[in-house]
């Protein structure tokens, strides 16, 4: 959980984030869970059920899988959580 001067979560949000951080999968192993949650969110909160994001600038870098040595290393290590195997 990252808290900075510009991001001050309230007590409820901070507790939720700590529980997820402690009990959830590592971020680099959470693709399946995040995709299911995003699909559920957009199906409930959009007219056509499709994901849509607004790009507000041209200086946004795109991540292509395999281009990061750190993420590649993390993905090569097995998960410590039995339900993520």
C-alpha atoms as a PDB file:
ATOM      1  CA  UNK A   1       0.000   0.000   0.000  1.00  0.00           C
ATOM      2  CA  UNK A   2       1.420   3.339  -1.010  1.00  0.00           C
ATOM      3  CA  UNK A   3       0.448   6.460   0.894  1.00  0.00           C
ATOM      4  CA  UNK A   4       1.831   9.825  -0.154  1.00  0.00           C
ATOM      5  CA  UNK A   5       0.978  13.430   0.596  1.00  0.00           C
ATOM      6  CA  UNK A   6      -1.363  13.516  -2.404  1.00  0.00           C
ATOM      7  CA  UNK A   7      -3.036  10.159  -1.669  1.00  0.00           C
ATOM      8  CA  UNK A   8      -4.428   9.976   1.841  1.00  0.00           C
ATOM      9  CA  UNK A   9      -6.935   7.102   2.114  1.00  0.00           C
ATOM     10  CA  UNK A  10      -9.516   7.251   4.859  1.00  0.00           C
ATOM     11  CA  UNK A  11      -9.558   4.610   7.593  1.00  0.00           C
ATOM     12  CA  UNK A  12     -11.966   2.257   5.768  1.00  0.00           C
ATOM     13  CA  UNK A  13     -10.033   2.354   2.489  1.00  0.00           C
ATOM     14  CA  UNK A  14      -6.700   1.896   4.244  1.00  0.00           C
ATOM     15  CA  UNK A  15      -8.000  -1.169   6.100  1.00  0.00           C
ATOM     16  CA  UNK A  16      -9.376  -2.669   2.862  1.00  0.00           C
ATOM     17  CA  UNK A  17      -6.072  -2.098   1.083  1.00  0.00           C
ATOM     18  CA  UNK A  18      -4.072  -3.650   3.940  1.00  0.00           C
ATOM     19  CA  UNK A  19      -6.287  -6.761   3.950  1.00  0.00           C
ATOM     20  CA  UNK A  20      -5.922  -7.165   0.178  1.00  0.00           C
ATOM     21  CA  UNK A  21      -2.183  -6.535   0.380  1.00  0.00           C
ATOM     22  CA  UNK A  22      -1.763  -9.173   3.078  1.00  0.00           C
ATOM     23  CA  UNK A  23      -4.179 -11.832   1.796  1.00  0.00           C
ATOM     24  CA  UNK A  24      -4.329 -11.261  -1.958  1.00  0.00           C
ATOM     25  CA  UNK A  25      -1.960 -12.336  -4.697  1.00  0.00           C
ATOM     26  CA  UNK A  26       1.095 -10.319  -5.656  1.00  0.00           C
ATOM     27  CA  UNK A  27       0.223  -7.699  -8.243  1.00  0.00           C
ATOM     28  CA  UNK A  28       2.241  -9.410 -10.976  1.00  0.00           C
ATOM     29  CA  UNK A  29       0.198 -12.605 -10.410  1.00  0.00           C
ATOM     30  CA  UNK A  30      -3.225 -10.964 -10.261  1.00  0.00           C
ATOM     31  CA  UNK A  31      -4.059 -10.678 -13.980  1.00  0.00           C
ATOM     32  CA  UNK A  32      -6.908 -13.229 -13.902  1.00  0.00           C
ATOM     33  CA  UNK A  33      -8.512 -11.758 -10.790  1.00  0.00           C
ATOM     34  CA  UNK A  34      -8.181  -8.184 -12.057  1.00  0.00           C
ATOM     35  CA  UNK A  35      -9.657  -9.115 -15.437  1.00  0.00           C
ATOM     36  CA  UNK A  36     -12.692 -10.776 -13.810  1.00  0.00           C
ATOM     37  CA  UNK A  37     -13.270  -7.793 -11.522  1.00  0.00           C
ATOM     38  CA  UNK A  38     -12.907  -5.279 -14.362  1.00  0.00           C
ATOM     39  CA  UNK A  39     -15.320  -7.283 -16.557  1.00  0.00           C
ATOM     40  CA  UNK A  40     -17.839  -7.351 -13.693  1.00  0.00           C
ATOM     41  CA  UNK A  41     -17.402  -3.622 -13.030  1.00  0.00           C
ATOM     42  CA  UNK A  42     -17.806  -2.578 -16.675  1.00  0.00           C
ATOM     43  CA  UNK A  43     -20.777  -4.884 -17.250  1.00  0.00           C
ATOM     44  CA  UNK A  44     -22.556  -3.150 -14.356  1.00  0.00           C
ATOM     45  CA  UNK A  45     -21.363   0.406 -15.063  1.00  0.00           C
ATOM     46  CA  UNK A  46     -21.452   0.866 -18.820  1.00  0.00           C
ATOM     47  CA  UNK A  47     -24.169   0.795 -21.428  1.00  0.00           C
ATOM     48  CA  UNK A  48     -22.574  -1.853 -23.624  1.00  0.00           C
ATOM     49  CA  UNK A  49     -20.544  -3.811 -21.040  1.00  0.00           C
ATOM     50  CA  UNK A  50     -17.248  -2.958 -22.761  1.00  0.00           C
ATOM     51  CA  UNK A  51     -14.250  -1.493 -21.001  1.00  0.00           C
ATOM     52  CA  UNK A  52     -13.498   2.092 -21.930  1.00  0.00           C
ATOM     53  CA  UNK A  53     -10.794   4.401 -20.725  1.00  0.00           C
ATOM     54  CA  UNK A  54     -10.159   7.995 -21.646  1.00  0.00           C
ATOM     55  CA  UNK A  55      -6.643   8.830 -22.820  1.00  0.00           C
ATOM     56  CA  UNK A  56      -5.928  12.391 -21.798  1.00  0.00           C
ATOM     57  CA  UNK A  57      -2.431  12.755 -23.223  1.00  0.00           C
ATOM     58  CA  UNK A  58      -0.027  11.391 -25.786  1.00  0.00           C
ATOM     59  CA  UNK A  59       2.844  10.918 -23.333  1.00  0.00           C
ATOM     60  CA  UNK A  60       1.493   7.624 -21.940  1.00  0.00           C
ATOM     61  CA  UNK A  61       3.906   4.717 -22.336  1.00  0.00           C
ATOM     62  CA  UNK A  62       2.480   1.355 -23.336  1.00  0.00           C
ATOM     63  CA  UNK A  63       3.692  -1.781 -21.581  1.00  0.00           C
ATOM     64  CA  UNK A  64       4.349  -4.758 -23.812  1.00  0.00           C
ATOM     65  CA  UNK A  65       4.749  -8.027 -21.897  1.00  0.00           C
ATOM     66  CA  UNK A  66       8.318  -9.206 -21.584  1.00  0.00           C
ATOM     67  CA  UNK A  67       9.834  -5.743 -21.859  1.00  0.00           C
ATOM     68  CA  UNK A  68      10.499  -5.479 -18.129  1.00  0.00           C
ATOM     69  CA  UNK A  69      13.256  -7.580 -16.551  1.00  0.00           C
ATOM     70  CA  UNK A  70      11.770  -7.120 -13.075  1.00  0.00           C
ATOM     71  CA  UNK A  71       8.264  -8.283 -14.069  1.00  0.00           C
ATOM     72  CA  UNK A  72       9.767 -11.160 -16.054  1.00  0.00           C
ATOM     73  CA  UNK A  73      11.748 -12.289 -13.001  1.00  0.00           C
ATOM     74  CA  UNK A  74       8.700 -12.015 -10.748  1.00  0.00           C
ATOM     75  CA  UNK A  75       6.567 -14.015 -13.189  1.00  0.00           C
ATOM     76  CA  UNK A  76       9.183 -16.773 -13.352  1.00  0.00           C
ATOM     77  CA  UNK A  77       9.021 -17.346  -9.580  1.00  0.00           C
ATOM     78  CA  UNK A  78       6.254 -19.694  -8.377  1.00  0.00           C
ATOM     79  CA  UNK A  79       3.467 -18.248  -6.259  1.00  0.00           C
ATOM     80  CA  UNK A  80       3.485 -18.846  -2.506  1.00  0.00           C
ATOM     81  CA  UNK A  81      -0.307 -18.977  -2.515  1.00  0.00           C
ATOM     82  CA  UNK A  82      -1.792 -22.427  -3.204  1.00  0.00           C
ATOM     83  CA  UNK A  83      -4.853 -21.085  -5.060  1.00  0.00           C
ATOM     84  CA  UNK A  84      -2.639 -19.221  -7.559  1.00  0.00           C
ATOM     85  CA  UNK A  85      -0.810 -22.360  -8.765  1.00  0.00           C
END
